[in-house]
C-alpha cells in the first residue's frame, strides 16, 4: 500500500513539474511572438535609466503622453 501511494505521489509531482515547465516555455514563446506581431508605436526613450514609451498620438495637440512600458520582463508596478 505504501509503495503504491509513494509512486502515485511521485507521478503527480512529475506531472506538475512538466505542466509548470510547459507553461513557462509557452509563455516565453507567446511573449516573443506578440512582441514581433505588435511592435509599440512611438519611441522608447531612456530617461533616468528607465525606458519610457513616448507616443505622439494624443487627443490634445502639442501634449504628448508618456506611458510607462514594462520592458525586459519587468512588471508595470516597478515604475
Protein backbone atom coordinates (compact mmCIF):
# COMPACT_ATOMS: atom_id res chain seq x y z
CA UNK A 1 0.00 0.00 0.00
CA UNK A 2 2.77 2.46 0.95
CA UNK A 3 4.68 1.61 -2.21
CA UNK A 4 1.64 2.35 -4.39
CA UNK A 5 0.99 5.64 -2.56
CA UNK A 6 4.62 6.72 -2.94
CA UNK A 7 4.58 6.04 -6.69
CA UNK A 8 1.30 7.90 -7.10
CA UNK A 9 2.67 10.96 -5.31
CA UNK A 10 5.85 10.82 -7.41
CA UNK A 11 3.88 10.62 -10.66
CA UNK A 12 1.68 13.52 -9.62
CA UNK A 13 4.72 15.63 -8.72
CA UNK A 14 6.34 14.82 -12.06
CA UNK A 15 3.15 15.77 -13.91
CA UNK A 16 3.03 19.05 -12.00
CA UNK A 17 6.67 19.79 -12.86
CA UNK A 18 6.04 19.06 -16.56
CA UNK A 19 2.97 21.32 -16.54
CA UNK A 20 4.86 24.18 -14.89
CA UNK A 21 7.81 23.85 -17.28
CA UNK A 22 5.50 23.61 -20.30
CA UNK A 23 3.59 26.69 -19.18
CA UNK A 24 6.81 28.68 -18.75
CA UNK A 25 8.01 27.70 -22.23
CA UNK A 26 4.63 28.55 -23.74
CA UNK A 27 4.54 31.97 -22.07
CA UNK A 28 8.08 32.79 -23.24
CA UNK A 29 7.34 31.85 -26.83
CA UNK A 30 4.00 33.68 -26.82
CA UNK A 31 5.61 36.86 -25.45
CA UNK A 32 8.26 36.79 -28.19
CA UNK A 33 5.63 36.25 -30.87
CA UNK A 34 3.47 39.09 -29.52
CA UNK A 35 6.46 41.44 -29.49
CA UNK A 36 7.10 40.64 -33.16
CA UNK A 37 3.44 40.89 -34.18
CA UNK A 38 2.59 44.07 -32.25
CA UNK A 39 5.54 46.47 -32.09
CA UNK A 40 4.97 49.60 -29.98
CA UNK A 41 4.07 52.83 -31.71
CA UNK A 42 6.09 55.95 -30.98
CA UNK A 43 9.51 55.79 -29.37
CA UNK A 44 11.09 54.18 -26.35
CA UNK A 45 13.22 56.80 -24.60
CA UNK A 46 15.85 56.25 -21.93
CA UNK A 47 15.02 58.71 -19.15
CA UNK A 48 16.95 58.39 -15.94
CA UNK A 49 17.92 54.79 -16.57
CA UNK A 50 14.34 53.75 -17.33
CA UNK A 51 12.83 53.16 -20.73
CA UNK A 52 9.65 55.19 -21.22
CA UNK A 53 7.32 54.92 -24.17
CA UNK A 54 6.68 58.27 -25.87
CA UNK A 55 3.62 58.16 -28.10
CA UNK A 56 2.87 61.34 -30.03
CA UNK A 57 -0.67 60.26 -30.97
CA UNK A 58 -2.86 62.04 -28.46
CA UNK A 59 -6.20 63.77 -28.21
CA UNK A 60 -4.79 67.19 -27.34
CA UNK A 61 -2.43 68.87 -29.80
CA UNK A 62 1.12 69.51 -28.57
CA UNK A 63 0.61 67.42 -25.44
CA UNK A 64 2.28 64.03 -25.81
CA UNK A 65 1.53 61.43 -23.21
CA UNK A 66 4.16 59.34 -21.53
CA UNK A 67 3.07 55.79 -20.86
CA UNK A 68 5.36 53.60 -18.74
CA UNK A 69 6.11 50.33 -20.54
CA UNK A 70 7.28 47.18 -18.90
CA UNK A 71 10.42 46.09 -20.76
CA UNK A 72 12.62 43.04 -20.47
CA UNK A 73 10.13 41.17 -18.31
CA UNK A 74 9.73 43.88 -15.68
CA UNK A 75 6.27 44.25 -14.26
CA UNK A 76 4.41 47.53 -14.65
CA UNK A 77 4.25 48.12 -10.91
CA UNK A 78 8.02 48.54 -10.74
CA UNK A 79 7.81 52.04 -12.23
